[in-house]
Amino acid sequence: MRDWTNEAGISCFYFEAFDEHWKDAQNPGGSENHFGLFTIDGQAKYAVWDLVDKGVFEGLGRGGQPISKTYGGDEAALLEEVLIPPVKE
Protein backbone atom coordinates (compact mmCIF):
# COMPACT_ATOMS: atom_id res chain seq x y z
CA MET A 1 0.00 0.00 0.00
CA ARG A 2 2.73 2.43 1.01
CA ASP A 3 4.69 1.80 -2.21
CA TRP A 4 1.59 2.53 -4.31
CA THR A 5 0.70 5.76 -2.45
CA ASN A 6 4.29 6.98 -2.59
CA GLU A 7 4.48 6.30 -6.34
CA ALA A 8 1.12 8.00 -6.92
CA GLY A 9 2.14 10.98 -4.75
CA ILE A 10 -0.92 10.73 -2.51
CA SER A 11 -1.43 10.54 1.23
CA CYS A 12 -3.03 7.48 2.73
CA PHE A 13 -4.45 7.14 6.21
CA TYR A 14 -5.72 3.82 7.41
CA PHE A 15 -7.03 2.40 10.62
CA GLU A 16 -8.49 -0.85 11.86
CA ALA A 17 -12.18 -1.32 11.22
CA PHE A 18 -12.84 -2.66 14.73
CA ASP A 19 -12.50 -0.94 18.07
CA GLU A 20 -9.73 -2.57 20.09
CA HIS A 21 -9.16 -2.26 23.83
CA TRP A 22 -5.38 -2.37 23.46
CA LYS A 23 -5.16 0.92 21.53
CA ASP A 24 -5.31 2.86 24.81
CA ALA A 25 -5.13 0.06 27.39
CA GLN A 26 -4.48 2.46 30.28
CA ASN A 27 -7.70 4.36 29.55
CA PRO A 28 -10.65 2.02 28.71
CA GLY A 29 -12.94 5.00 28.04
CA GLY A 30 -10.34 6.78 25.89
CA SER A 31 -11.24 7.79 22.37
CA GLU A 32 -8.39 5.79 20.82
CA ASN A 33 -10.28 2.62 21.75
CA HIS A 34 -13.37 3.73 19.84
CA PHE A 35 -12.19 4.87 16.40
CA GLY A 36 -13.35 1.80 14.50
CA LEU A 37 -16.46 1.47 12.37
CA PHE A 38 -17.40 -1.59 14.44
CA THR A 39 -17.46 -2.24 18.17
CA ILE A 40 -15.16 -4.84 19.71
CA ASP A 41 -17.95 -7.41 19.47
CA GLY A 42 -18.67 -6.68 15.80
CA GLN A 43 -21.64 -4.34 15.89
CA ALA A 44 -21.73 -1.76 13.12
CA LYS A 45 -21.73 1.84 14.28
CA TYR A 46 -24.26 4.35 13.01
CA ALA A 47 -22.04 5.53 10.14
CA VAL A 48 -22.38 2.14 8.42
CA TRP A 49 -25.92 1.13 9.42
CA ASP A 50 -27.07 1.66 5.82
CA LEU A 51 -24.44 -0.83 4.63
CA VAL A 52 -25.80 -3.41 7.07
CA ASP A 53 -29.26 -2.81 5.58
CA LYS A 54 -27.86 -3.32 2.08
CA GLY A 55 -26.34 -6.66 3.09
CA VAL A 56 -22.76 -5.55 2.45
CA PHE A 57 -21.53 -7.48 5.50
CA GLU A 58 -23.59 -10.61 4.83
CA GLY A 59 -21.58 -13.66 5.84
CA LEU A 60 -19.08 -11.59 7.84
CA GLY A 61 -18.84 -11.37 11.58
CA ARG A 62 -16.63 -11.33 14.60
CA GLY A 63 -16.32 -13.83 17.39
CA GLY A 64 -18.80 -16.13 15.71
CA GLN A 65 -21.50 -13.44 15.63
CA PRO A 66 -22.81 -11.81 12.45
CA ILE A 67 -22.42 -8.07 11.92
CA SER A 68 -25.39 -6.25 13.40
CA LYS A 69 -26.23 -2.63 14.18
CA THR A 70 -25.39 -0.97 17.47
CA TYR A 71 -28.46 -0.07 19.55
CA GLY A 72 -30.35 -2.72 17.62
CA GLY A 73 -30.67 -0.17 14.83
CA ASP A 74 -32.80 2.08 17.06
CA GLU A 75 -31.74 5.67 16.28
CA ALA A 76 -33.80 7.10 19.15
CA ALA A 77 -31.98 4.82 21.61
CA LEU A 78 -28.64 5.91 20.16
CA LEU A 79 -29.54 9.59 20.59
CA GLU A 80 -30.46 9.02 24.23
CA GLU A 81 -26.89 7.97 24.99
CA VAL A 82 -24.74 9.82 22.45
CA LEU A 83 -24.22 13.50 23.09
CA ILE A 84 -24.82 15.87 20.20
CA PRO A 85 -22.36 18.76 19.82
CA PRO A 86 -23.79 22.13 20.83
CA VAL A 87 -25.47 24.05 18.05
CA LYS A 88 -25.23 27.80 17.78
CA GLU A 89 -28.68 29.36 17.68
PDB file of N, CA and C in Angstrom:
ATOM      1  N   MET A   1       0.832  -1.187   0.000  1.00  0.00           N
ATOM      2  CA  MET A   1       0.000   0.000   0.000  1.00  0.00           C
ATOM      3  C   MET A   1       0.877   1.251   0.000  1.00  0.00           C
ATOM      4  N   ARG A   2       1.864   1.255   0.904  1.00  0.00           N
ATOM      5  CA  ARG A   2       2.728   2.434   1.015  1.00  0.00           C
ATOM      6  C   ARG A   2       3.488   2.678  -0.288  1.00  0.00           C
ATOM      7  N   ASP A   3       3.988   1.630  -0.940  1.00  0.00           N
ATOM      8  CA  ASP A   3       4.694   1.804  -2.210  1.00  0.00           C
ATOM      9  C   ASP A   3       3.779   2.464  -3.239  1.00  0.00           C
ATOM     10  N   TRP A   4       2.536   1.993  -3.321  1.00  0.00           N
ATOM     11  CA  TRP A   4       1.592   2.530  -4.305  1.00  0.00           C
ATOM     12  C   TRP A   4       1.289   3.997  -4.033  1.00  0.00           C
ATOM     13  N   THR A   5       1.023   4.359  -2.754  1.00  0.00           N
ATOM     14  CA  THR A   5       0.695   5.758  -2.454  1.00  0.00           C
ATOM     15  C   THR A   5       1.905   6.661  -2.681  1.00  0.00           C
ATOM     16  N   ASN A   6       3.085   6.175  -2.347  1.00  0.00           N
ATOM     17  CA  ASN A   6       4.289   6.980  -2.593  1.00  0.00           C
ATOM     18  C   ASN A   6       4.485   7.214  -4.091  1.00  0.00           C
ATOM     19  N   GLU A   7       4.321   6.168  -4.887  1.00  0.00           N
ATOM     20  CA  GLU A   7       4.482   6.301  -6.338  1.00  0.00           C
ATOM     21  C   GLU A   7       3.428   7.224  -6.937  1.00  0.00           C
ATOM     22  N   ALA A   8       2.213   7.174  -6.403  1.00  0.00           N
ATOM     23  CA  ALA A   8       1.123   8.004  -6.918  1.00  0.00           C
ATOM     24  C   ALA A   8       1.161   9.417  -6.353  1.00  0.00           C
ATOM     25  N   GLY A   9       2.019   9.648  -5.339  1.00  0.00           N
ATOM     26  CA  GLY A   9       2.136  10.982  -4.752  1.00  0.00           C
ATOM     27  C   GLY A   9       0.908  11.381  -3.946  1.00  0.00           C
ATOM     28  N   ILE A  10       0.268  10.428  -3.302  1.00  0.00           N
ATOM     29  CA  ILE A  10      -0.918  10.730  -2.508  1.00  0.00           C
ATOM     30  C   ILE A  10      -0.707  10.287  -1.059  1.00  0.00           C
ATOM     31  N   SER A  11      -1.464  10.913  -0.182  1.00  0.00           N
ATOM     32  CA  SER A  11      -1.431  10.539   1.226  1.00  0.00           C
ATOM     33  C   SER A  11      -2.434   9.429   1.463  1.00  0.00           C
ATOM     34  N   CYS A  12      -2.122   8.571   2.398  1.00  0.00           N
ATOM     35  CA  CYS A  12      -3.027   7.478   2.733  1.00  0.00           C
ATOM     36  C   CYS A  12      -3.066   7.326   4.237  1.00  0.00           C
ATOM     37  N   PHE A  13      -4.258   7.376   4.792  1.00  0.00           N
ATOM     38  CA  PHE A  13      -4.447   7.144   6.209  1.00  0.00           C
ATOM     39  C   PHE A  13      -5.302   5.905   6.349  1.00  0.00           C
ATOM     40  N   TYR A  14      -4.929   5.025   7.220  1.00  0.00           N
ATOM     41  CA  TYR A  14      -5.721   3.815   7.409  1.00  0.00           C
ATOM     42  C   TYR A  14      -5.809   3.500   8.900  1.00  0.00           C
ATOM     43  N   PHE A  15      -6.823   2.785   9.239  1.00  0.00           N
ATOM     44  CA  PHE A  15      -7.028   2.396  10.619  1.00  0.00           C
ATOM     45  C   PHE A  15      -7.761   1.064  10.630  1.00  0.00           C
ATOM     46  N   GLU A  16      -7.776   0.417  11.760  1.00  0.00           N
ATOM     47  CA  GLU A  16      -8.487  -0.849  11.865  1.00  0.00           C
ATOM     48  C   GLU A  16      -9.979  -0.595  11.893  1.00  0.00           C
ATOM     49  N   ALA A  17     -10.726  -1.472  11.288  1.00  0.00           N
ATOM     50  CA  ALA A  17     -12.175  -1.320  11.217  1.00  0.00           C
ATOM     51  C   ALA A  17     -12.839  -1.524  12.566  1.00  0.00           C
ATOM     52  N   PHE A  18     -12.226  -2.329  13.450  1.00  0.00           N
ATOM     53  CA  PHE A  18     -12.839  -2.657  14.726  1.00  0.00           C
ATOM     54  C   PHE A  18     -12.196  -1.885  15.873  1.00  0.00           C
ATOM     55  N   ASP A  19     -13.032  -1.483  16.827  1.00  0.00           N
ATOM     56  CA  ASP A  19     -12.498  -0.943  18.070  1.00  0.00           C
ATOM     57  C   ASP A  19     -11.645  -2.027  18.719  1.00  0.00           C
ATOM     58  N   GLU A  20     -10.598  -1.615  19.400  1.00  0.00           N
ATOM     59  CA  GLU A  20      -9.725  -2.568  20.092  1.00  0.00           C
ATOM     60  C   GLU A  20      -9.325  -1.970  21.428  1.00  0.00           C
ATOM     61  N   HIS A  21      -9.460  -2.746  22.490  1.00  0.00           N
ATOM     62  CA  HIS A  21      -9.161  -2.257  23.835  1.00  0.00           C
ATOM     63  C   HIS A  21      -7.689  -1.960  24.049  1.00  0.00           C
ATOM     64  N   TRP A  22      -6.815  -2.554  23.262  1.00  0.00           N
ATOM     65  CA  TRP A  22      -5.381  -2.367  23.456  1.00  0.00           C
ATOM     66  C   TRP A  22      -4.859  -1.043  22.918  1.00  0.00           C
ATOM     67  N   LYS A  23      -5.647  -0.327  22.137  1.00  0.00           N
ATOM     68  CA  LYS A  23      -5.158   0.915  21.531  1.00  0.00           C
ATOM     69  C   LYS A  23      -4.831   1.970  22.589  1.00  0.00           C
ATOM     70  N   ASP A  24      -5.565   1.954  23.684  1.00  0.00           N
ATOM     71  CA  ASP A  24      -5.309   2.857  24.810  1.00  0.00           C
ATOM     72  C   ASP A  24      -5.627   2.076  26.078  1.00  0.00           C
ATOM     73  N   ALA A  25      -4.851   1.021  26.314  1.00  0.00           N
ATOM     74  CA  ALA A  25      -5.133   0.061  27.387  1.00  0.00           C
ATOM     75  C   ALA A  25      -5.197   0.712  28.767  1.00  0.00           C
ATOM     76  N   GLN A  26      -4.485   1.787  28.976  1.00  0.00           N
ATOM     77  CA  GLN A  26      -4.485   2.455  30.277  1.00  0.00           C
ATOM     78  C   GLN A  26      -5.729   3.292  30.510  1.00  0.00           C
ATOM     79  N   ASN A  27      -6.526   3.501  29.446  1.00  0.00           N
ATOM     80  CA  ASN A  27      -7.703   4.360  29.547  1.00  0.00           C
ATOM     81  C   ASN A  27      -8.865   3.702  28.790  1.00  0.00           C
ATOM     82  N   PRO A  28      -9.583   2.757  29.408  1.00  0.00           N
ATOM     83  CA  PRO A  28     -10.648   2.023  28.712  1.00  0.00           C
ATOM     84  C   PRO A  28     -11.704   2.912  28.056  1.00  0.00           C
ATOM     85  N   GLY A  29     -11.957   4.085  28.625  1.00  0.00           N
ATOM     86  CA  GLY A  29     -12.943   4.996  28.036  1.00  0.00           C
ATOM     87  C   GLY A  29     -12.343   5.958  27.034  1.00  0.00           C
ATOM     88  N   GLY A  30     -11.038   5.849  26.788  1.00  0.00           N
ATOM     89  CA  GLY A  30     -10.345   6.777  25.895  1.00  0.00           C
ATOM     90  C   GLY A  30     -10.783   6.655  24.445  1.00  0.00           C
ATOM     91  N   SER A  31     -10.756   7.749  23.748  1.00  0.00           N
ATOM     92  CA  SER A  31     -11.237   7.791  22.368  1.00  0.00           C
ATOM     93  C   SER A  31     -10.457   6.879  21.432  1.00  0.00           C
ATOM     94  N   GLU A  32      -9.185   6.646  21.700  1.00  0.00           N
ATOM     95  CA  GLU A  32      -8.390   5.788  20.824  1.00  0.00           C
ATOM     96  C   GLU A  32      -8.979   4.384  20.712  1.00  0.00           C
ATOM     97  N   ASN A  33      -9.676   3.948  21.741  1.00  0.00           N
ATOM     98  CA  ASN A  33     -10.276   2.615  21.753  1.00  0.00           C
ATOM     99  C   ASN A  33     -11.570   2.550  20.946  1.00  0.00           C
ATOM    100  N   HIS A  34     -12.044   3.666  20.451  1.00  0.00           N
ATOM    101  CA  HIS A  34     -13.370   3.731  19.843  1.00  0.00           C
ATOM    102  C   HIS A  34     -13.380   4.346  18.448  1.00  0.00           C
ATOM    103  N   PHE A  35     -12.279   4.263  17.726  1.00  0.00           N
ATOM    104  CA  PHE A  35     -12.192   4.874  16.403  1.00  0.00           C
ATOM    105  C   PHE A  35     -12.675   3.977  15.270  1.00  0.00           C
ATOM    106  N   GLY A  36     -12.942   2.718  15.543  1.00  0.00           N
ATOM    107  CA  GLY A  36     -13.350   1.795  14.497  1.00  0.00           C
ATOM    108  C   GLY A  36     -14.767   2.052  13.999  1.00  0.00           C
ATOM    109  N   LEU A  37     -15.107   1.412  12.906  1.00  0.00           N
ATOM    110  CA  LEU A  37     -16.464   1.466  12.369  1.00  0.00           C
ATOM    111  C   LEU A  37     -17.348   0.415  13.014  1.00  0.00           C
ATOM    112  N   PHE A  38     -16.705  -0.503  13.769  1.00  0.00           N
ATOM    113  CA  PHE A  38     -17.405  -1.592  14.441  1.00  0.00           C
ATOM    114  C   PHE A  38     -16.930  -1.666  15.884  1.00  0.00           C
ATOM    115  N   THR A  39     -17.830  -2.046  16.776  1.00  0.00           N
ATOM    116  CA  THR A  39     -17.458  -2.237  18.175  1.00  0.00           C
ATOM    117  C   THR A  39     -16.579  -3.477  18.299  1.00  0.00           C
ATOM    118  N   ILE A  40     -16.013  -3.670  19.469  1.00  0.00           N
ATOM    119  CA  ILE A  40     -15.159  -4.836  19.712  1.00  0.00           C
ATOM    120  C   ILE A  40     -15.892  -6.131  19.393  1.00  0.00           C
ATOM    121  N   ASP A  41     -17.188  -6.178  19.697  1.00  0.00           N
ATOM    122  CA  ASP A  41     -17.950  -7.412  19.472  1.00  0.00           C
ATOM    123  C   ASP A  41     -18.569  -7.508  18.076  1.00  0.00           C
ATOM    124  N   GLY A  42     -18.253  -6.562  17.193  1.00  0.00           N
ATOM    125  CA  GLY A  42     -18.670  -6.675  15.797  1.00  0.00           C
ATOM    126  C   GLY A  42     -19.972  -5.999  15.433  1.00  0.00           C
ATOM    127  N   GLN A  43     -20.430  -5.073  16.260  1.00  0.00           N
ATOM    128  CA  GLN A  43     -21.638  -4.337  15.895  1.00  0.00           C
ATOM    129  C   GLN A  43     -21.257  -3.106  15.075  1.00  0.00           C
ATOM    130  N   ALA A  44     -21.997  -2.896  14.002  1.00  0.00           N
ATOM    131  CA  ALA A  44     -21.731  -1.761  13.116  1.00  0.00           C
ATOM    132  C   ALA A  44     -22.202  -0.470  13.768  1.00  0.00           C
ATOM    133  N   LYS A  45     -21.354   0.528  13.745  1.00  0.00           N
ATOM    134  CA  LYS A  45     -21.726   1.836  14.284  1.00  0.00           C
ATOM    135  C   LYS A  45     -22.623   2.571  13.286  1.00  0.00           C
ATOM    136  N   TYR A  46     -23.255   3.618  13.770  1.00  0.00           N
ATOM    137  CA  TYR A  46     -24.264   4.348  13.008  1.00  0.00           C
ATOM    138  C   TYR A  46     -23.804   4.708  11.585  1.00  0.00           C
ATOM    139  N   ALA A  47     -22.557   5.087  11.444  1.00  0.00           N
ATOM    140  CA  ALA A  47     -22.040   5.532  10.136  1.00  0.00           C
ATOM    141  C   ALA A  47     -22.182   4.475   9.047  1.00  0.00           C
ATOM    142  N   VAL A  48     -22.279   3.200   9.423  1.00  0.00           N
ATOM    143  CA  VAL A  48     -22.383   2.137   8.418  1.00  0.00           C
ATOM    144  C   VAL A  48     -23.672   1.315   8.549  1.00  0.00           C
ATOM    145  N   TRP A  49     -24.646   1.835   9.289  1.00  0.00           N
ATOM    146  CA  TRP A  49     -25.925   1.126   9.415  1.00  0.00           C
ATOM    147  C   TRP A  49     -26.546   0.869   8.052  1.00  0.00           C
ATOM    148  N   ASP A  50     -26.457   1.840   7.149  1.00  0.00           N
ATOM    149  CA  ASP A  50     -27.068   1.659   5.817  1.00  0.00           C
ATOM    150  C   ASP A  50     -26.413   0.505   5.058  1.00  0.00           C
ATOM    151  N   LEU A  51     -25.122   0.282   5.292  1.00  0.00           N
ATOM    152  CA  LEU A  51     -24.439  -0.828   4.628  1.00  0.00           C
ATOM    153  C   LEU A  51     -24.899  -2.172   5.191  1.00  0.00           C
ATOM    154  N   VAL A  52     -25.224  -2.199   6.476  1.00  0.00           N
ATOM    155  CA  VAL A  52     -25.795  -3.410   7.070  1.00  0.00           C
ATOM    156  C   VAL A  52     -27.130  -3.698   6.390  1.00  0.00           C
ATOM    157  N   ASP A  53     -27.960  -2.656   6.233  1.00  0.00           N
ATOM    158  CA  ASP A  53     -29.261  -2.815   5.578  1.00  0.00           C
ATOM    159  C   ASP A  53     -29.128  -3.323   4.147  1.00  0.00           C
ATOM    160  N   LYS A  54     -28.077  -2.904   3.466  1.00  0.00           N
ATOM    161  CA  LYS A  54     -27.861  -3.318   2.076  1.00  0.00           C
ATOM    162  C   LYS A  54     -27.247  -4.717   1.967  1.00  0.00           C
ATOM    163  N   GLY A  55     -26.894  -5.312   3.100  1.00  0.00           N
ATOM    164  CA  GLY A  55     -26.336  -6.658   3.085  1.00  0.00           C
ATOM    165  C   GLY A  55     -24.861  -6.728   2.744  1.00  0.00           C
ATOM    166  N   VAL A  56     -24.178  -5.592   2.812  1.00  0.00           N
ATOM    167  CA  VAL A  56     -22.756  -5.550   2.452  1.00  0.00           C
ATOM    168  C   VAL A  56     -21.922  -6.487   3.326  1.00  0.00           C
ATOM    169  N   PHE A  57     -22.309  -6.669   4.570  1.00  0.00           N
ATOM    170  CA  PHE A  57     -21.528  -7.484   5.495  1.00  0.00           C
ATOM    171  C   PHE A  57     -22.090  -8.896   5.658  1.00  0.00           C
ATOM    172  N   GLU A  58     -22.989  -9.272   4.771  1.00  0.00           N
ATOM    173  CA  GLU A  58     -23.590 -10.611   4.826  1.00  0.00           C
ATOM    174  C   GLU A  58     -22.499 -11.678   4.815  1.00  0.00           C
ATOM    175  N   GLY A  59     -22.566 -12.588   5.755  1.00  0.00           N
ATOM    176  CA  GLY A  59     -21.579 -13.663   5.839  1.00  0.00           C
ATOM    177  C   GLY A  59     -20.336 -13.295   6.622  1.00  0.00           C
ATOM    178  N   LEU A  60     -20.237 -12.025   7.049  1.00  0.00           N
ATOM    179  CA  LEU A  60     -19.085 -11.589   7.842  1.00  0.00           C
ATOM    180  C   LEU A  60     -19.499 -11.438   9.295  1.00  0.00           C
ATOM    181  N   GLY A  61     -18.548 -11.531  10.175  1.00  0.00           N
ATOM    182  CA  GLY A  61     -18.841 -11.366  11.584  1.00  0.00           C
ATOM    183  C   GLY A  61     -17.580 -11.300  12.395  1.00  0.00           C
ATOM    184  N   ARG A  62     -17.772 -11.341  13.694  1.00  0.00           N
ATOM    185  CA  ARG A  62     -16.629 -11.328  14.604  1.00  0.00           C
ATOM    186  C   ARG A  62     -16.996 -12.158  15.819  1.00  0.00           C
ATOM    187  N   GLY A  63     -16.077 -12.989  16.233  1.00  0.00           N
ATOM    188  CA  GLY A  63     -16.319 -13.828  17.394  1.00  0.00           C
ATOM    189  C   GLY A  63     -17.486 -14.780  17.207  1.00  0.00           C
ATOM    190  N   GLY A  64     -17.716 -15.201  15.979  1.00  0.00           N
ATOM    191  CA  GLY A  64     -18.804 -16.128  15.707  1.00  0.00           C
ATOM    192  C   GLY A  64     -20.176 -15.479  15.579  1.00  0.00           C
ATOM    193  N   GLN A  65     -20.238 -14.160  15.728  1.00  0.00           N
ATOM    194  CA  GLN A  65     -21.499 -13.437  15.632  1.00  0.00           C
ATOM    195  C   GLN A  65     -21.550 -12.641  14.330  1.00  0.00           C
ATOM    196  N   PRO A  66     -22.705 -12.605  13.667  1.00  0.00           N
ATOM    197  CA  PRO A  66     -22.812 -11.811  12.451  1.00  0.00           C
ATOM    198  C   PRO A  66     -22.768 -10.310  12.760  1.00  0.00           C
ATOM    199  N   ILE A  67     -22.411  -9.526  11.779  1.00  0.00           N
ATOM    200  CA  ILE A  67     -22.418  -8.070  11.924  1.00  0.00           C
ATOM    201  C   ILE A  67     -23.859  -7.612  12.118  1.00  0.00           C
ATOM    202  N   SER A  68     -24.071  -6.816  13.137  1.00  0.00           N
ATOM    203  CA  SER A  68     -25.391  -6.251  13.397  1.00  0.00           C
ATOM    204  C   SER A  68     -25.207  -4.776  13.741  1.00  0.00           C
ATOM    205  N   LYS A  69     -26.305  -4.058  13.865  1.00  0.00           N
ATOM    206  CA  LYS A  69     -26.231  -2.632  14.178  1.00  0.00           C
ATOM    207  C   LYS A  69     -26.139  -2.413  15.684  1.00  0.00           C
ATOM    208  N   THR A  70     -25.374  -1.391  16.076  1.00  0.00           N
ATOM    209  CA  THR A  70     -25.386  -0.968  17.472  1.00  0.00           C
ATOM    210  C   THR A  70     -26.789  -0.470  17.805  1.00  0.00           C
ATOM    211  N   TYR A  71     -27.147  -0.528  19.064  1.00  0.00           N
ATOM    212  CA  TYR A  71     -28.455  -0.075  19.553  1.00  0.00           C
ATOM    213  C   TYR A  71     -29.603  -0.802  18.870  1.00  0.00           C
ATOM    214  N   GLY A  72     -29.310  -1.963  18.307  1.00  0.00           N
ATOM    215  CA  GLY A  72     -30.350  -2.719  17.619  1.00  0.00           C
ATOM    216  C   GLY A  72     -30.940  -1.967  16.442  1.00  0.00           C
ATOM    217  N   GLY A  73     -30.189  -0.980  15.942  1.00  0.00           N
ATOM    218  CA  GLY A  73     -30.670  -0.173  14.828  1.00  0.00           C
ATOM    219  C   GLY A  73     -31.681   0.890  15.239  1.00  0.00           C
ATOM    220  N   ASP A  74     -31.823   1.126  16.532  1.00  0.00           N
ATOM    221  CA  ASP A  74     -32.799   2.084  17.055  1.00  0.00           C
ATOM    222  C   ASP A  74     -32.129   3.455  17.217  1.00  0.00           C
ATOM    223  N   GLU A  75     -32.375   4.353  16.277  1.00  0.00           N
ATOM    224  CA  GLU A  75     -31.735   5.668  16.284  1.00  0.00           C
ATOM    225  C   GLU A  75     -32.121   6.478  17.516  1.00  0.00           C
ATOM    226  N   ALA A  76     -33.366   6.368  17.959  1.00  0.00           N
ATOM    227  CA  ALA A  76     -33.797   7.099  19.151  1.00  0.00           C
ATOM    228  C   ALA A  76     -33.008   6.638  20.373  1.00  0.00           C
ATOM    229  N   ALA A  77     -32.763   5.344  20.493  1.00  0.00           N
ATOM    230  CA  ALA A  77     -31.981   4.816  21.612  1.00  0.00           C
ATOM    231  C   ALA A  77     -30.544   5.321  21.542  1.00  0.00           C
ATOM    232  N   LEU A  78     -29.990   5.380  20.350  1.00  0.00           N
ATOM    233  CA  LEU A  78     -28.639   5.906  20.163  1.00  0.00           C
ATOM    234  C   LEU A  78     -28.576   7.352  20.640  1.00  0.00           C
ATOM    235  N   LEU A  79     -29.552   8.166  20.244  1.00  0.00           N
ATOM    236  CA  LEU A  79     -29.536   9.586  20.588  1.00  0.00           C
ATOM    237  C   LEU A  79     -29.760   9.843  22.073  1.00  0.00           C
ATOM    238  N   GLU A  80     -30.316   8.874  22.789  1.00  0.00           N
ATOM    239  CA  GLU A  80     -30.460   9.019  24.234  1.00  0.00           C
ATOM    240  C   GLU A  80     -29.116   8.928  24.938  1.00  0.00           C
ATOM    241  N   GLU A  81     -28.190   8.198  24.346  1.00  0.00           N
ATOM    242  CA  GLU A  81     -26.889   7.971  24.985  1.00  0.00           C
ATOM    243  C   GLU A  81     -25.767   8.824  24.395  1.00  0.00           C
ATOM    244  N   VAL A  82     -25.808   9.089  23.118  1.00  0.00           N
ATOM    245  CA  VAL A  82     -24.743   9.822  22.449  1.00  0.00           C
ATOM    246  C   VAL A  82     -25.026  11.318  22.529  1.00  0.00           C
ATOM    247  N   LEU A  83     -24.041  12.067  22.966  1.00  0.00           N
ATOM    248  CA  LEU A  83     -24.218  13.501  23.087  1.00  0.00           C
ATOM    249  C   LEU A  83     -24.018  14.191  21.744  1.00  0.00           C
ATOM    250  N   ILE A  84     -24.898  15.102  21.437  1.00  0.00           N
ATOM    251  CA  ILE A  84     -24.820  15.872  20.198  1.00  0.00           C
ATOM    252  C   ILE A  84     -24.027  17.139  20.480  1.00  0.00           C
ATOM    253  N   PRO A  85     -23.116  17.521  19.594  1.00  0.00           N
ATOM    254  CA  PRO A  85     -22.356  18.759  19.816  1.00  0.00           C
ATOM    255  C   PRO A  85     -23.303  19.955  19.926  1.00  0.00           C
ATOM    256  N   PRO A  86     -22.921  20.962  20.705  1.00  0.00           N
ATOM    257  CA  PRO A  86     -23.787  22.131  20.831  1.00  0.00           C
ATOM    258  C   PRO A  86     -23.971  22.823  19.481  1.00  0.00           C
ATOM    259  N   VAL A  87     -25.149  23.353  19.289  1.00  0.00           N
ATOM    260  CA  VAL A  87     -25.467  24.046  18.045  1.00  0.00           C
ATOM    261  C   VAL A  87     -25.700  25.518  18.355  1.00  0.00           C
ATOM    262  N   LYS A  88     -25.064  26.366  17.583  1.00  0.00           N
ATOM    263  CA  LYS A  88     -25.229  27.801  17.775  1.00  0.00           C
ATOM    264  C   LYS A  88     -26.596  28.216  17.266  1.00  0.00           C
ATOM    265  N   GLU A  89     -27.320  28.958  18.079  1.00  0.00           N
ATOM    266  CA  GLU A  89     -28.677  29.358  17.684  1.00  0.00           C
ATOM    267  C   GLU A  89     -28.673  30.643  16.905  1.00  0.00           C
TER     268      GLU A  89
END
